[in-house]
Amino acid sequence: MTVNEAADTDSPAGPRGCKARLSEHYDAALLDLDGVVYLGGSPISGAADALSAAVGRGMRLAFVTNNASRTPHAIAAQLTGMGITATATDIVTSAQAAAHLIADRFPAGSRVLVSGGIGLRLAVRERGLRPVSTAAEGPVAVVQGFAPDIGYGLLAEAALAIQAGAWFVASNADETLPTARGPAPGNPRSTILMPKASIK
């Protein structure tokens, strides 16, 4: 992994190139996943070999993603299947960050309406919060994240809970998601933000 001259090298605030391997200058790398390490179910060409070589030179890898749909265990299994050594402890997701934010604000056992996938639901539970699916259950917060199979019903419940005063946390604001076929719709958070006057 070598970096040639970066754009804007004359600006002190801009990125600067590095002619040597990054692993010779840094002991850790934080790597995005979607569109960087893999694209959908396929690895980016050369990524596994480059990362393996970096590890061989002593670099520690951590993988970060704002895709809240899957668990760290599932992501680690995908990476391992692509020839990239990873465990769940090497993965940080936006689902975990969102759950942490809510747990810092509300006591353990608080109800949180999860408008997203299993990765988001389990992250909420792991923080000692109680995932729910309807506004009628009186959630103190709504957490929303990308989930390819999310339906209108759950989005509607999230909107109703927010209008009733639940605190709203979106796990990411990506409008698109990279796929092998091109950009696809990303996180539909704006769908549940109506009416905007109800958002605190």
Protein backbone atom coordinates (compact mmCIF):
# COMPACT_ATOMS: atom_id res chain seq x y z
CA MET A 1 0.00 0.00 0.00
CA THR A 2 1.83 3.05 -1.23
CA VAL A 3 0.37 6.47 -1.67
CA ASN A 4 1.51 8.65 -4.53
CA GLU A 5 1.26 12.39 -4.45
CA ALA A 6 -2.11 13.50 -3.13
CA ALA A 7 -4.07 16.43 -4.44
CA ASP A 8 -3.45 19.77 -2.78
CA THR A 9 0.00 18.90 -1.42
CA ASP A 10 0.94 22.60 -1.23
CA SER A 11 -1.78 23.36 1.29
CA PRO A 12 -0.85 22.74 4.95
CA ALA A 13 -4.45 21.70 5.63
CA GLY A 14 -4.62 19.32 2.67
CA PRO A 15 -3.49 15.68 2.54
CA ARG A 16 0.17 14.96 1.90
CA GLY A 17 1.50 12.05 -0.11
CA CYS A 18 3.72 9.31 1.27
CA LYS A 19 6.15 7.59 -1.07
CA ALA A 20 6.82 4.74 1.38
CA ARG A 21 4.37 2.12 2.55
CA LEU A 22 1.91 3.52 5.08
CA SER A 23 2.69 0.56 7.36
CA GLU A 24 6.23 1.94 7.68
CA HIS A 25 4.87 5.17 9.16
CA TYR A 26 1.72 4.08 11.00
CA ASP A 27 1.04 1.16 13.33
CA ALA A 28 -2.73 1.05 12.75
CA ALA A 29 -5.22 1.63 9.95
CA LEU A 30 -8.94 2.38 10.19
CA LEU A 31 -10.61 0.99 7.09
CA ASP A 32 -14.03 1.75 5.69
CA LEU A 33 -15.77 -1.30 4.24
CA ASP A 34 -18.51 -0.64 1.64
CA GLY A 35 -16.80 0.38 -1.58
CA VAL A 36 -13.32 0.29 -0.01
CA VAL A 37 -12.58 -3.25 1.19
CA TYR A 38 -15.54 -4.89 -0.53
CA LEU A 39 -18.38 -4.02 -2.86
CA GLY A 40 -21.52 -5.95 -2.03
CA GLY A 41 -20.45 -9.56 -1.63
CA SER A 42 -17.20 -9.21 -3.55
CA PRO A 43 -13.78 -8.00 -2.35
CA ILE A 44 -12.20 -5.00 -4.01
CA SER A 45 -9.45 -6.30 -6.28
CA GLY A 46 -6.12 -6.47 -4.44
CA ALA A 47 -7.58 -5.46 -1.06
CA ALA A 48 -7.04 -8.80 0.69
CA ASP A 49 -3.42 -9.09 -0.48
CA ALA A 50 -2.61 -5.48 0.43
CA LEU A 51 -4.14 -5.82 3.89
CA SER A 52 -2.42 -9.14 4.51
CA ALA A 53 0.91 -7.59 3.56
CA ALA A 54 0.27 -4.64 5.90
CA VAL A 55 -0.50 -7.02 8.77
CA GLY A 56 2.67 -8.94 7.96
CA ARG A 57 4.63 -5.73 8.40
CA GLY A 58 3.09 -5.22 11.85
CA MET A 59 0.16 -2.92 11.09
CA ARG A 60 -3.00 -3.40 13.14
CA LEU A 61 -6.27 -3.20 11.20
CA ALA A 62 -9.64 -1.97 12.43
CA PHE A 63 -12.72 -1.90 10.24
CA VAL A 64 -15.31 0.87 10.60
CA THR A 65 -18.65 1.10 8.86
CA ASN A 66 -21.70 3.32 8.95
CA ASN A 67 -23.78 0.45 7.57
CA ALA A 68 -25.84 -0.52 10.63
CA SER A 69 -27.62 -3.49 9.07
CA ARG A 70 -25.26 -6.30 10.17
CA THR A 71 -23.50 -7.40 13.33
CA PRO A 72 -19.73 -7.23 13.84
CA HIS A 73 -19.69 -11.08 13.85
CA ALA A 74 -21.37 -11.22 10.43
CA ILE A 75 -19.01 -8.62 9.00
CA ALA A 76 -15.95 -10.42 10.40
CA ALA A 77 -17.18 -13.68 8.85
CA GLN A 78 -17.54 -11.97 5.46
CA LEU A 79 -14.05 -10.50 5.69
CA THR A 80 -12.56 -13.86 6.73
CA GLY A 81 -14.30 -15.50 3.77
CA MET A 82 -12.55 -12.99 1.52
CA GLY A 83 -9.16 -13.88 2.93
CA ILE A 84 -8.96 -10.90 5.31
CA THR A 85 -8.26 -11.90 8.90
CA ALA A 86 -10.77 -10.22 11.21
CA THR A 87 -12.73 -10.88 14.39
CA ALA A 88 -15.81 -9.12 15.75
CA THR A 89 -13.59 -7.07 18.07
CA ASP A 90 -11.89 -5.56 14.99
CA ILE A 91 -15.20 -4.12 13.74
CA VAL A 92 -16.86 -0.86 14.78
CA THR A 93 -20.30 -0.11 13.36
CA SER A 94 -22.53 2.94 13.37
CA ALA A 95 -25.13 0.75 15.08
CA GLN A 96 -22.79 0.39 18.05
CA ALA A 97 -22.09 4.13 18.08
CA ALA A 98 -25.80 4.99 17.95
CA ALA A 99 -26.64 2.54 20.75
CA HIS A 100 -23.80 3.96 22.86
CA LEU A 101 -25.16 7.49 22.37
CA ILE A 102 -28.64 6.45 23.53
CA ALA A 103 -27.33 4.45 26.49
CA ASP A 104 -25.42 7.52 27.67
CA ARG A 105 -28.67 9.51 27.75
CA PHE A 106 -31.21 6.99 29.09
CA PRO A 107 -31.09 4.38 31.88
CA ALA A 108 -30.68 0.65 31.28
CA GLY A 109 -33.91 -1.07 30.31
CA SER A 110 -35.29 1.98 28.49
CA ARG A 111 -37.42 1.17 25.45
CA VAL A 112 -35.91 2.10 22.10
CA LEU A 113 -37.82 1.74 18.84
CA VAL A 114 -35.41 0.20 16.34
CA SER A 115 -36.13 1.15 12.75
CA GLY A 116 -33.45 -0.93 11.09
CA GLY A 117 -31.90 -4.37 10.81
CA ILE A 118 -30.60 -7.02 13.18
CA GLY A 119 -27.23 -5.28 13.57
CA LEU A 120 -28.95 -2.21 15.02
CA ARG A 121 -31.33 -4.23 17.19
CA LEU A 122 -28.54 -6.30 18.75
CA ALA A 123 -26.37 -3.22 19.33
CA VAL A 124 -29.22 -1.63 21.29
CA ARG A 125 -29.71 -4.80 23.36
CA GLU A 126 -25.98 -5.11 24.05
CA ARG A 127 -26.07 -1.64 25.61
CA GLY A 128 -28.72 -2.78 28.09
CA LEU A 129 -31.62 -1.09 26.32
CA ARG A 130 -34.89 -2.76 25.33
CA PRO A 131 -35.60 -2.85 21.58
CA VAL A 132 -39.26 -2.37 20.63
CA SER A 133 -41.12 -2.12 17.33
CA THR A 134 -44.18 0.05 17.95
CA ALA A 135 -44.85 3.59 19.10
CA ALA A 136 -47.56 2.25 21.43
CA GLU A 137 -44.80 0.74 23.62
CA GLY A 138 -43.74 4.25 24.61
CA PRO A 139 -40.09 4.31 23.49
CA VAL A 140 -37.87 7.06 24.87
CA ALA A 141 -35.86 7.06 21.66
CA VAL A 142 -35.99 5.98 18.04
CA VAL A 143 -32.83 4.72 16.38
CA GLN A 144 -32.81 4.31 12.63
CA GLY A 145 -30.33 2.72 10.29
CA PHE A 146 -29.91 1.24 6.84
CA ALA A 147 -31.71 -2.08 6.35
CA PRO A 148 -32.41 -3.39 2.84
CA ASP A 149 -35.69 -5.03 3.86
CA ILE A 150 -37.14 -2.24 6.01
CA GLY A 151 -40.85 -1.70 5.40
CA TYR A 152 -43.37 1.10 5.56
CA GLY A 153 -44.93 -0.18 8.78
CA LEU A 154 -41.75 0.15 10.83
CA LEU A 155 -40.95 3.56 9.34
CA ALA A 156 -44.46 4.70 10.23
CA GLU A 157 -44.09 3.48 13.83
CA ALA A 158 -40.80 5.36 14.10
CA ALA A 159 -42.41 8.55 12.77
CA LEU A 160 -45.29 8.23 15.25
CA ALA A 161 -42.91 7.70 18.15
CA ILE A 162 -40.87 10.77 17.18
CA GLN A 163 -44.01 12.87 16.90
CA ALA A 164 -44.94 11.68 20.42
CA GLY A 165 -41.63 13.02 21.76
CA ALA A 166 -39.11 10.18 21.38
CA TRP A 167 -35.49 11.27 20.88
CA PHE A 168 -34.33 10.49 17.33
CA VAL A 169 -30.91 9.10 16.41
CA ALA A 170 -29.97 8.22 12.82
CA SER A 171 -27.00 5.87 12.54
CA ASN A 172 -25.85 7.54 9.32
CA ALA A 173 -26.88 10.12 6.76
CA ASP A 174 -25.70 8.46 3.55
CA GLU A 175 -28.02 9.18 0.65
CA THR A 176 -26.50 6.35 -1.40
CA LEU A 177 -24.86 2.96 -0.87
CA PRO A 178 -22.18 1.68 -3.27
CA THR A 179 -23.08 -1.55 -5.05
CA ALA A 180 -21.64 -3.54 -7.95
CA ARG A 181 -24.46 -2.17 -10.13
CA GLY A 182 -23.87 1.44 -9.11
CA PRO A 183 -25.10 3.69 -6.29
CA ALA A 184 -28.30 2.49 -4.61
CA PRO A 185 -30.49 4.37 -2.11
CA GLY A 186 -28.82 4.66 1.27
CA ASN A 187 -30.35 5.36 4.67
CA PRO A 188 -34.02 6.48 4.36
CA ARG A 189 -33.94 8.56 7.54
CA SER A 190 -35.75 11.50 5.93
CA THR A 191 -38.82 9.30 5.47
CA ILE A 192 -39.55 9.35 9.20
CA LEU A 193 -38.67 12.97 9.87
CA MET A 194 -42.08 14.36 8.92
CA PRO A 195 -43.38 16.63 10.22
CA LYS A 196 -40.03 18.30 10.91
CA ALA A 197 -41.55 20.51 13.58
CA SER A 198 -41.80 17.47 15.84
CA ILE A 199 -38.03 16.85 15.90
CA LYS A 200 -36.22 18.05 19.00
